Structures are given as C-alpha cells and as structure tokens.
Amino acid sequence: MLEGVYAATEEAVRTATGPIGLVLIGIYSFLIAFVLPLPSEIVLAPAESMRLGLPLSATTGLIVLVSGLGKAAGSVFAFHIGQEAKQSGPIIRFVRRSRFDIVEWSEKTAVQLAQEYGYIGLALALSVPGFPDTISIYAFSVLEKDYVRFAAATFAGSVGRLLVTIVGFASVTALL
C-alpha cells in the first residue's frame, strides 16, 4: 500500500505546474526530510513544464530554493524529534534492540562526520545525489543542539545536492 502512495507522490511532483506545483515541491521536500524514503532529485523533473512564465534557469533556481527551504524546515522538525528521542531512554533502547542497529551505525557515522567536519559534514553528506537524507538528518539531530545551524546546513546540503544533480545531468547531456 505504501508503495502506491510513494508512486503517487512522486508522480504528483514530477507533473507539478504553476505556483501550486511549487507549494507541492515544498511540501514534498519537507516530508522527505523526516519521513518519506523518496529521492529529493525528483523535484527537478517539472522544471521545463512548470509554467511560471520565467526562463528555465529562473524556474530551476526557484525550484531549488523552494525545495531547499522545504527540506530545511522538515529537517528542523526531524531535529526536534531527535532532541526529544535523545531524552527518551525507552526509544533509544527499542531502536538498539531492533534488527537494524540504526543507532550504532548512526552514532558511528554521525559522530565521525560531526567531530571531523561539524555542520559542514552534514551539508556535504546531504549533497550526495541518490543517498537517503533521512538517516543523516536523524543521526545529526541526535548529536547536535543548534537548530539554526542545523537548518542552514540542511538547506546548504539540499541545494548542493540539486546543483550537483543539475551539473551532472548537464555534463552527461553535453557528452551525448
């Protein structure tokens, strides 16, 4: 059943148009930050058909901005959940006992990135196209405490990821 919801959500974003389409992209970006295991790069799909009356480069820039802001807002929500979970011993014990040792993996990876690179590490981790954001966001949310810096890092990482995707796609297209 969830697969159908995911497919419908992706299709709605791919075919988004006009100002309502931008709102949909913002909501989608908010949700993928903390709950939807879907790719964030999908938001670039409707750029050519968005029908905003702007040049393609301006439309793409607006999509990147809206998506980055949506993901930053969703990340702050995830950050809050992480802060609450950090205070809850039973939640951490439950996650530690689950068959996927998410906490151990998250702690290792996030502690390494946080200690070595801090918020820049989060932004860099989120700049990798195709890599799920949610794990990185939650891992950092349990370790860090600064909402504003966290939101700025997730915004920068989200925008970075979309820019890497755009440049990569343009490079491949130019080679063909």
N, C-alpha and C. Protein backbone atom coordinates (compact mmCIF):
# COMPACT_ATOMS: atom_id res chain seq x y z
N MET A 1 0.82 -1.20 0.00
CA MET A 1 0.00 0.00 0.00
C MET A 1 0.86 1.27 0.00
N LEU A 2 1.92 1.28 0.84
CA LEU A 2 2.79 2.45 0.88
C LEU A 2 3.47 2.70 -0.45
N GLU A 3 3.79 1.64 -1.16
CA GLU A 3 4.43 1.79 -2.47
C GLU A 3 3.53 2.59 -3.42
N GLY A 4 2.23 2.35 -3.35
CA GLY A 4 1.29 3.11 -4.17
C GLY A 4 1.26 4.58 -3.78
N VAL A 5 1.32 4.86 -2.49
CA VAL A 5 1.34 6.24 -2.01
C VAL A 5 2.63 6.92 -2.46
N TYR A 6 3.76 6.21 -2.34
CA TYR A 6 5.04 6.76 -2.77
C TYR A 6 5.03 7.07 -4.26
N ALA A 7 4.52 6.11 -5.06
CA ALA A 7 4.48 6.30 -6.51
C ALA A 7 3.59 7.48 -6.88
N ALA A 8 2.44 7.59 -6.23
CA ALA A 8 1.53 8.71 -6.50
C ALA A 8 2.16 10.04 -6.09
N THR A 9 2.87 10.05 -4.98
CA THR A 9 3.53 11.27 -4.52
C THR A 9 4.61 11.70 -5.51
N GLU A 10 5.43 10.75 -5.95
CA GLU A 10 6.48 11.06 -6.92
C GLU A 10 5.87 11.57 -8.22
N GLU A 11 4.80 10.94 -8.67
CA GLU A 11 4.15 11.35 -9.92
C GLU A 11 3.57 12.76 -9.80
N ALA A 12 2.99 13.08 -8.65
CA ALA A 12 2.44 14.41 -8.44
C ALA A 12 3.54 15.47 -8.51
N VAL A 13 4.71 15.16 -7.97
CA VAL A 13 5.82 16.10 -8.01
C VAL A 13 6.37 16.22 -9.43
N ARG A 14 6.50 15.10 -10.12
CA ARG A 14 7.02 15.11 -11.50
C ARG A 14 6.16 15.95 -12.44
N THR A 15 4.87 15.98 -12.18
CA THR A 15 3.94 16.68 -13.08
C THR A 15 3.46 18.01 -12.51
N ALA A 16 4.10 18.49 -11.46
CA ALA A 16 3.69 19.74 -10.81
C ALA A 16 3.84 20.92 -11.76
N THR A 17 2.87 21.83 -11.71
CA THR A 17 2.93 23.04 -12.53
C THR A 17 2.44 24.24 -11.73
N GLY A 18 2.90 25.41 -12.14
CA GLY A 18 2.43 26.67 -11.57
C GLY A 18 2.80 26.84 -10.11
N PRO A 19 2.27 27.89 -9.51
CA PRO A 19 2.55 28.18 -8.10
C PRO A 19 2.14 27.03 -7.17
N ILE A 20 1.04 26.36 -7.49
CA ILE A 20 0.61 25.21 -6.68
C ILE A 20 1.67 24.11 -6.76
N GLY A 21 2.28 23.96 -7.92
CA GLY A 21 3.36 22.99 -8.09
C GLY A 21 4.54 23.30 -7.19
N LEU A 22 4.86 24.59 -7.05
CA LEU A 22 5.94 24.99 -6.14
C LEU A 22 5.59 24.65 -4.69
N VAL A 23 4.34 24.86 -4.32
CA VAL A 23 3.89 24.51 -2.97
C VAL A 23 4.03 23.00 -2.77
N LEU A 24 3.63 22.22 -3.77
CA LEU A 24 3.75 20.77 -3.70
C LEU A 24 5.21 20.35 -3.54
N ILE A 25 6.10 20.99 -4.27
CA ILE A 25 7.54 20.69 -4.17
C ILE A 25 8.04 21.03 -2.76
N GLY A 26 7.58 22.13 -2.20
CA GLY A 26 7.97 22.49 -0.83
C GLY A 26 7.49 21.48 0.19
N ILE A 27 6.25 21.04 0.05
CA ILE A 27 5.68 20.05 0.97
C ILE A 27 6.41 18.72 0.83
N TYR A 28 6.64 18.30 -0.41
CA TYR A 28 7.37 17.05 -0.67
C TYR A 28 8.76 17.12 -0.04
N SER A 29 9.46 18.21 -0.22
CA SER A 29 10.80 18.37 0.33
C SER A 29 10.78 18.35 1.86
N PHE A 30 9.75 18.96 2.44
CA PHE A 30 9.57 18.92 3.89
C PHE A 30 9.42 17.48 4.36
N LEU A 31 8.56 16.72 3.67
CA LEU A 31 8.28 15.35 4.09
C LEU A 31 9.46 14.39 3.89
N ILE A 32 10.23 14.57 2.81
CA ILE A 32 11.34 13.63 2.60
C ILE A 32 12.46 13.85 3.60
N ALA A 33 12.46 14.98 4.29
CA ALA A 33 13.49 15.24 5.29
C ALA A 33 13.33 14.35 6.51
N PHE A 34 12.09 13.94 6.81
CA PHE A 34 11.93 13.18 8.04
C PHE A 34 11.07 11.93 7.95
N VAL A 35 10.37 11.72 6.82
CA VAL A 35 9.50 10.54 6.82
C VAL A 35 9.47 9.78 5.50
N LEU A 36 9.50 10.45 4.38
CA LEU A 36 9.38 9.75 3.10
C LEU A 36 10.74 9.29 2.58
N PRO A 37 10.87 8.00 2.31
CA PRO A 37 12.14 7.49 1.78
C PRO A 37 12.19 7.62 0.26
N LEU A 38 12.04 8.84 -0.21
CA LEU A 38 11.99 9.08 -1.65
C LEU A 38 13.14 10.02 -2.06
N PRO A 39 13.51 9.99 -3.33
CA PRO A 39 14.62 10.83 -3.78
C PRO A 39 14.24 12.31 -3.87
N SER A 40 15.15 13.15 -3.43
CA SER A 40 14.86 14.59 -3.48
C SER A 40 15.07 15.16 -4.88
N GLU A 41 15.84 14.47 -5.71
CA GLU A 41 16.15 14.97 -7.04
C GLU A 41 14.91 15.04 -7.95
N ILE A 42 13.86 14.35 -7.59
CA ILE A 42 12.60 14.34 -8.36
C ILE A 42 12.06 15.75 -8.55
N VAL A 43 12.34 16.64 -7.61
CA VAL A 43 11.78 17.99 -7.69
C VAL A 43 12.26 18.74 -8.93
N LEU A 44 13.35 18.30 -9.53
CA LEU A 44 13.86 18.97 -10.73
C LEU A 44 13.10 18.57 -11.99
N ALA A 45 12.38 17.46 -11.93
CA ALA A 45 11.69 16.93 -13.11
C ALA A 45 10.73 17.92 -13.78
N PRO A 46 9.93 18.66 -13.02
CA PRO A 46 8.96 19.54 -13.70
C PRO A 46 9.52 20.90 -14.14
N ALA A 47 10.80 21.12 -14.04
CA ALA A 47 11.36 22.45 -14.32
C ALA A 47 10.95 22.99 -15.69
N GLU A 48 11.03 22.16 -16.72
CA GLU A 48 10.71 22.65 -18.08
C GLU A 48 9.22 22.86 -18.31
N SER A 49 8.38 22.18 -17.54
CA SER A 49 6.93 22.28 -17.76
C SER A 49 6.22 23.01 -16.62
N MET A 50 6.94 23.69 -15.78
CA MET A 50 6.36 24.32 -14.59
C MET A 50 5.38 25.45 -14.91
N ARG A 51 5.54 26.10 -16.04
CA ARG A 51 4.63 27.16 -16.48
C ARG A 51 4.51 28.31 -15.49
N LEU A 52 5.63 28.89 -15.16
CA LEU A 52 5.63 30.04 -14.26
C LEU A 52 5.86 31.34 -15.02
N GLY A 53 6.09 31.25 -16.33
CA GLY A 53 6.34 32.44 -17.13
C GLY A 53 7.75 33.00 -16.93
N LEU A 54 8.65 32.16 -16.46
CA LEU A 54 10.04 32.58 -16.22
C LEU A 54 10.96 31.78 -17.13
N PRO A 55 12.16 32.29 -17.38
CA PRO A 55 13.13 31.48 -18.12
C PRO A 55 13.43 30.19 -17.35
N LEU A 56 13.86 29.17 -18.07
CA LEU A 56 14.13 27.87 -17.45
C LEU A 56 15.11 27.99 -16.28
N SER A 57 16.15 28.79 -16.45
CA SER A 57 17.14 28.92 -15.38
C SER A 57 16.52 29.53 -14.12
N ALA A 58 15.64 30.50 -14.28
CA ALA A 58 14.98 31.12 -13.13
C ALA A 58 13.99 30.15 -12.48
N THR A 59 13.27 29.40 -13.30
CA THR A 59 12.34 28.41 -12.78
C THR A 59 13.10 27.35 -11.99
N THR A 60 14.20 26.87 -12.55
CA THR A 60 15.01 25.86 -11.87
C THR A 60 15.55 26.42 -10.56
N GLY A 61 16.03 27.64 -10.58
CA GLY A 61 16.52 28.28 -9.36
C GLY A 61 15.45 28.39 -8.29
N LEU A 62 14.24 28.74 -8.71
CA LEU A 62 13.12 28.85 -7.78
C LEU A 62 12.77 27.48 -7.20
N ILE A 63 12.79 26.45 -8.02
CA ILE A 63 12.52 25.08 -7.55
C ILE A 63 13.58 24.67 -6.52
N VAL A 64 14.84 24.95 -6.82
CA VAL A 64 15.93 24.61 -5.91
C VAL A 64 15.75 25.35 -4.58
N LEU A 65 15.40 26.63 -4.63
CA LEU A 65 15.19 27.42 -3.43
C LEU A 65 14.03 26.88 -2.60
N VAL A 66 12.89 26.64 -3.24
CA VAL A 66 11.71 26.14 -2.54
C VAL A 66 12.00 24.76 -1.92
N SER A 67 12.66 23.90 -2.69
CA SER A 67 12.99 22.58 -2.19
C SER A 67 13.96 22.67 -1.01
N GLY A 68 14.96 23.51 -1.13
CA GLY A 68 15.92 23.69 -0.03
C GLY A 68 15.26 24.20 1.24
N LEU A 69 14.37 25.16 1.09
CA LEU A 69 13.65 25.70 2.25
C LEU A 69 12.73 24.64 2.86
N GLY A 70 12.05 23.88 2.00
CA GLY A 70 11.17 22.82 2.49
C GLY A 70 11.95 21.76 3.25
N LYS A 71 13.09 21.36 2.69
CA LYS A 71 13.89 20.34 3.36
C LYS A 71 14.49 20.87 4.65
N ALA A 72 14.89 22.13 4.67
CA ALA A 72 15.42 22.72 5.91
C ALA A 72 14.33 22.73 6.98
N ALA A 73 13.11 23.09 6.61
CA ALA A 73 12.01 23.09 7.58
C ALA A 73 11.72 21.67 8.07
N GLY A 74 11.68 20.71 7.16
CA GLY A 74 11.46 19.32 7.56
C GLY A 74 12.59 18.80 8.43
N SER A 75 13.79 19.25 8.15
CA SER A 75 14.95 18.83 8.94
C SER A 75 14.87 19.38 10.36
N VAL A 76 14.39 20.61 10.50
CA VAL A 76 14.23 21.17 11.83
C VAL A 76 13.17 20.38 12.60
N PHE A 77 12.13 19.95 11.91
CA PHE A 77 11.12 19.09 12.55
C PHE A 77 11.77 17.77 12.99
N ALA A 78 12.56 17.15 12.11
CA ALA A 78 13.28 15.92 12.44
C ALA A 78 14.25 16.18 13.59
N PHE A 79 14.89 17.34 13.57
CA PHE A 79 15.83 17.72 14.61
C PHE A 79 15.12 17.74 15.96
N HIS A 80 13.92 18.32 15.98
CA HIS A 80 13.14 18.37 17.21
C HIS A 80 12.79 16.96 17.68
N ILE A 81 12.38 16.11 16.75
CA ILE A 81 12.07 14.72 17.10
C ILE A 81 13.32 14.05 17.67
N GLY A 82 14.46 14.28 17.03
CA GLY A 82 15.72 13.71 17.51
C GLY A 82 16.07 14.20 18.91
N GLN A 83 15.83 15.48 19.17
CA GLN A 83 16.11 16.02 20.51
C GLN A 83 15.21 15.37 21.55
N GLU A 84 13.95 15.16 21.20
CA GLU A 84 13.01 14.50 22.11
C GLU A 84 13.41 13.04 22.32
N ALA A 85 13.78 12.36 21.24
CA ALA A 85 14.17 10.95 21.33
C ALA A 85 15.42 10.79 22.18
N LYS A 86 16.31 11.76 22.10
CA LYS A 86 17.54 11.72 22.87
C LYS A 86 17.23 11.70 24.37
N GLN A 87 16.13 12.35 24.73
CA GLN A 87 15.73 12.41 26.13
C GLN A 87 14.96 11.17 26.57
N SER A 88 14.58 10.33 25.60
CA SER A 88 13.73 9.19 25.91
C SER A 88 14.53 7.89 25.90
N GLY A 89 14.86 7.42 27.07
CA GLY A 89 15.58 6.16 27.19
C GLY A 89 14.88 4.98 26.53
N PRO A 90 13.55 4.83 26.71
CA PRO A 90 12.86 3.68 26.11
C PRO A 90 12.95 3.67 24.58
N ILE A 91 12.92 4.83 23.95
CA ILE A 91 13.00 4.87 22.49
C ILE A 91 14.38 4.40 22.04
N ILE A 92 15.42 4.90 22.67
CA ILE A 92 16.78 4.50 22.31
C ILE A 92 16.97 3.01 22.56
N ARG A 93 16.46 2.50 23.68
CA ARG A 93 16.59 1.05 23.96
C ARG A 93 15.85 0.24 22.91
N PHE A 94 14.67 0.68 22.50
CA PHE A 94 13.91 -0.04 21.47
C PHE A 94 14.67 -0.06 20.15
N VAL A 95 15.19 1.07 19.75
CA VAL A 95 15.92 1.15 18.49
C VAL A 95 17.18 0.30 18.55
N ARG A 96 17.86 0.28 19.71
CA ARG A 96 19.07 -0.53 19.86
C ARG A 96 18.74 -2.02 19.73
N ARG A 97 17.56 -2.44 20.18
CA ARG A 97 17.18 -3.85 20.11
C ARG A 97 16.61 -4.25 18.76
N SER A 98 16.29 -3.29 17.89
CA SER A 98 15.71 -3.61 16.60
C SER A 98 16.72 -4.38 15.76
N ARG A 99 16.24 -5.10 14.76
CA ARG A 99 17.15 -5.94 13.96
C ARG A 99 18.12 -5.11 13.13
N PHE A 100 17.81 -3.85 12.88
CA PHE A 100 18.74 -2.94 12.21
C PHE A 100 19.33 -2.07 13.31
N ASP A 101 20.60 -2.14 13.52
CA ASP A 101 21.20 -1.34 14.58
C ASP A 101 21.47 0.07 14.06
N ILE A 102 20.36 0.79 13.88
CA ILE A 102 20.41 2.15 13.33
C ILE A 102 21.20 3.07 14.25
N VAL A 103 20.99 2.93 15.54
CA VAL A 103 21.65 3.82 16.48
C VAL A 103 23.16 3.65 16.40
N GLU A 104 23.63 2.41 16.42
CA GLU A 104 25.08 2.19 16.36
C GLU A 104 25.67 2.75 15.07
N TRP A 105 25.02 2.44 13.93
CA TRP A 105 25.51 2.95 12.65
C TRP A 105 25.46 4.48 12.63
N SER A 106 24.35 5.03 13.06
CA SER A 106 24.18 6.48 13.05
C SER A 106 25.20 7.15 13.96
N GLU A 107 25.38 6.56 15.13
CA GLU A 107 26.33 7.15 16.06
C GLU A 107 27.74 7.16 15.47
N LYS A 108 28.14 6.03 14.91
CA LYS A 108 29.48 5.94 14.31
C LYS A 108 29.65 6.97 13.21
N THR A 109 28.75 6.92 12.24
CA THR A 109 28.87 7.78 11.07
C THR A 109 28.70 9.25 11.45
N ALA A 110 27.66 9.55 12.19
CA ALA A 110 27.39 10.94 12.53
C ALA A 110 28.45 11.52 13.45
N VAL A 111 28.89 10.72 14.42
CA VAL A 111 29.92 11.22 15.32
C VAL A 111 31.19 11.51 14.53
N GLN A 112 31.53 10.61 13.63
CA GLN A 112 32.72 10.81 12.80
C GLN A 112 32.61 12.11 11.99
N LEU A 113 31.50 12.26 11.27
CA LEU A 113 31.31 13.46 10.46
C LEU A 113 31.22 14.72 11.33
N ALA A 114 30.48 14.62 12.43
CA ALA A 114 30.29 15.79 13.29
C ALA A 114 31.61 16.21 13.92
N GLN A 115 32.39 15.23 14.39
CA GLN A 115 33.66 15.57 15.01
C GLN A 115 34.65 16.11 14.00
N GLU A 116 34.66 15.51 12.83
CA GLU A 116 35.63 15.93 11.83
C GLU A 116 35.25 17.23 11.13
N TYR A 117 33.97 17.33 10.75
CA TYR A 117 33.56 18.44 9.89
C TYR A 117 32.40 19.27 10.43
N GLY A 118 31.77 18.86 11.52
CA GLY A 118 30.65 19.60 12.09
C GLY A 118 29.49 19.73 11.11
N TYR A 119 28.92 20.91 11.08
CA TYR A 119 27.76 21.13 10.23
C TYR A 119 28.13 21.09 8.74
N ILE A 120 29.37 21.38 8.43
CA ILE A 120 29.82 21.25 7.04
C ILE A 120 29.75 19.79 6.61
N GLY A 121 30.06 18.87 7.54
CA GLY A 121 29.95 17.44 7.25
C GLY A 121 28.52 17.04 6.92
N LEU A 122 27.57 17.59 7.65
CA LEU A 122 26.16 17.32 7.36
C LEU A 122 25.80 17.84 5.98
N ALA A 123 26.20 19.08 5.70
CA ALA A 123 25.90 19.66 4.38
C ALA A 123 26.52 18.83 3.27
N LEU A 124 27.75 18.37 3.46
CA LEU A 124 28.40 17.54 2.44
C LEU A 124 27.71 16.20 2.28
N ALA A 125 27.31 15.57 3.39
CA ALA A 125 26.61 14.29 3.33
C ALA A 125 25.29 14.44 2.57
N LEU A 126 24.61 15.55 2.78
CA LEU A 126 23.33 15.78 2.11
C LEU A 126 23.49 16.20 0.65
N SER A 127 24.70 16.52 0.24
CA SER A 127 24.96 16.93 -1.15
C SER A 127 25.17 15.76 -2.09
N VAL A 128 25.15 14.56 -1.58
CA VAL A 128 25.40 13.38 -2.41
C VAL A 128 24.08 12.92 -3.04
N PRO A 129 23.94 13.06 -4.36
CA PRO A 129 22.70 12.63 -5.03
C PRO A 129 22.45 11.14 -4.84
N GLY A 130 21.19 10.83 -4.63
CA GLY A 130 20.77 9.43 -4.53
C GLY A 130 20.92 8.83 -3.15
N PHE A 131 21.64 9.47 -2.23
CA PHE A 131 21.82 8.94 -0.88
C PHE A 131 20.64 9.40 -0.03
N PRO A 132 20.03 8.49 0.76
CA PRO A 132 18.87 8.89 1.57
C PRO A 132 19.24 9.94 2.61
N ASP A 133 18.50 11.01 2.63
CA ASP A 133 18.75 12.12 3.56
C ASP A 133 18.35 11.80 4.98
N THR A 134 17.27 11.08 5.12
CA THR A 134 16.63 10.91 6.42
C THR A 134 17.60 10.38 7.48
N ILE A 135 18.41 9.39 7.12
CA ILE A 135 19.32 8.80 8.09
C ILE A 135 20.34 9.84 8.56
N SER A 136 20.93 10.57 7.62
CA SER A 136 21.91 11.60 8.00
C SER A 136 21.27 12.66 8.88
N ILE A 137 20.07 13.08 8.52
CA ILE A 137 19.39 14.12 9.28
C ILE A 137 19.12 13.66 10.71
N TYR A 138 18.57 12.45 10.87
CA TYR A 138 18.29 11.96 12.22
C TYR A 138 19.57 11.71 13.00
N ALA A 139 20.59 11.18 12.33
CA ALA A 139 21.86 10.92 13.03
C ALA A 139 22.42 12.22 13.60
N PHE A 140 22.45 13.27 12.81
CA PHE A 140 22.95 14.55 13.29
C PHE A 140 22.02 15.17 14.32
N SER A 141 20.72 14.95 14.16
CA SER A 141 19.77 15.58 15.08
C SER A 141 19.94 15.07 16.50
N VAL A 142 20.37 13.85 16.66
CA VAL A 142 20.56 13.30 18.00
C VAL A 142 21.83 13.86 18.63
N LEU A 143 22.80 14.21 17.81
CA LEU A 143 24.09 14.66 18.33
C LEU A 143 24.20 16.17 18.51
N GLU A 144 23.52 16.92 17.71
CA GLU A 144 23.69 18.37 17.70
C GLU A 144 22.59 19.07 18.48
N LYS A 145 22.79 20.39 18.71
CA LYS A 145 21.84 21.13 19.54
C LYS A 145 21.40 22.45 18.95
N ASP A 146 22.02 22.93 17.90
CA ASP A 146 21.77 24.26 17.37
C ASP A 146 20.80 24.19 16.18
N TYR A 147 19.55 24.56 16.42
CA TYR A 147 18.52 24.48 15.39
C TYR A 147 18.86 25.32 14.15
N VAL A 148 19.34 26.53 14.36
CA VAL A 148 19.60 27.44 13.24
C VAL A 148 20.74 26.91 12.37
N ARG A 149 21.84 26.51 12.99
CA ARG A 149 22.97 25.96 12.21
C ARG A 149 22.57 24.66 11.52
N PHE A 150 21.76 23.86 12.20
CA PHE A 150 21.28 22.61 11.61
C PHE A 150 20.44 22.91 10.36
N ALA A 151 19.52 23.86 10.48
CA ALA A 151 18.67 24.24 9.33
C ALA A 151 19.52 24.81 8.20
N ALA A 152 20.51 25.63 8.53
CA ALA A 152 21.39 26.19 7.49
C ALA A 152 22.18 25.09 6.79
N ALA A 153 22.68 24.12 7.56
CA ALA A 153 23.45 23.02 6.96
C ALA A 153 22.57 22.15 6.07
N THR A 154 21.34 21.88 6.50
CA THR A 154 20.47 21.06 5.66
C THR A 154 20.02 21.82 4.42
N PHE A 155 19.82 23.12 4.55
CA PHE A 155 19.49 23.93 3.37
C PHE A 155 20.66 23.89 2.38
N ALA A 156 21.87 24.15 2.88
CA ALA A 156 23.04 24.14 2.00
C ALA A 156 23.25 22.77 1.35
N GLY A 157 23.09 21.71 2.13
CA GLY A 157 23.25 20.36 1.58
C GLY A 157 22.19 20.03 0.55
N SER A 158 20.96 20.44 0.80
CA SER A 158 19.87 20.19 -0.15
C SER A 158 20.07 20.93 -1.46
N VAL A 159 20.44 22.20 -1.35
CA VAL A 159 20.71 22.99 -2.55
C VAL A 159 21.93 22.41 -3.27
N GLY A 160 22.96 22.06 -2.51
CA GLY A 160 24.15 21.46 -3.08
C GLY A 160 23.85 20.20 -3.86
N ARG A 161 23.00 19.35 -3.30
CA ARG A 161 22.63 18.10 -3.96
C ARG A 161 21.94 18.37 -5.29
N LEU A 162 21.03 19.31 -5.30
CA LEU A 162 20.31 19.62 -6.53
C LEU A 162 21.24 20.24 -7.56
N LEU A 163 22.17 21.08 -7.10
CA LEU A 163 23.13 21.67 -8.04
C LEU A 163 24.08 20.61 -8.61
N VAL A 164 24.52 19.68 -7.77
CA VAL A 164 25.36 18.57 -8.25
C VAL A 164 24.59 17.76 -9.29
N THR A 165 23.31 17.52 -9.03
CA THR A 165 22.47 16.77 -9.96
C THR A 165 22.33 17.51 -11.28
N ILE A 166 22.07 18.81 -11.22
CA ILE A 166 21.91 19.62 -12.43
C ILE A 166 23.19 19.62 -13.25
N VAL A 167 24.32 19.86 -12.59
CA VAL A 167 25.61 19.90 -13.28
C VAL A 167 25.94 18.52 -13.86
N GLY A 168 25.69 17.48 -13.09
CA GLY A 168 25.96 16.12 -13.57
C GLY A 168 25.12 15.77 -14.78
N PHE A 169 23.84 16.12 -14.72
CA PHE A 169 22.93 15.86 -15.85
C PHE A 169 23.35 16.66 -17.08
N ALA A 170 23.70 17.92 -16.88
CA ALA A 170 24.13 18.76 -18.00
C ALA A 170 25.43 18.22 -18.61
N SER A 171 26.33 17.73 -17.78
CA SER A 171 27.58 17.17 -18.28
C SER A 171 27.34 15.93 -19.11
N VAL A 172 26.49 15.04 -18.62
CA VAL A 172 26.17 13.82 -19.38
C VAL A 172 25.48 14.16 -20.67
N THR A 173 24.54 15.09 -20.61
CA THR A 173 23.81 15.51 -21.82
C THR A 173 24.77 16.12 -22.84
N ALA A 174 25.72 16.92 -22.38
CA ALA A 174 26.67 17.56 -23.29
C ALA A 174 27.57 16.52 -23.97
N LEU A 175 27.89 15.45 -23.25
CA LEU A 175 28.72 14.39 -23.82
C LEU A 175 27.99 13.58 -24.88
N LEU A 176 26.68 13.51 -24.77
CA LEU A 176 25.88 12.74 -25.72
C LEU A 176 25.63 13.60 -26.91
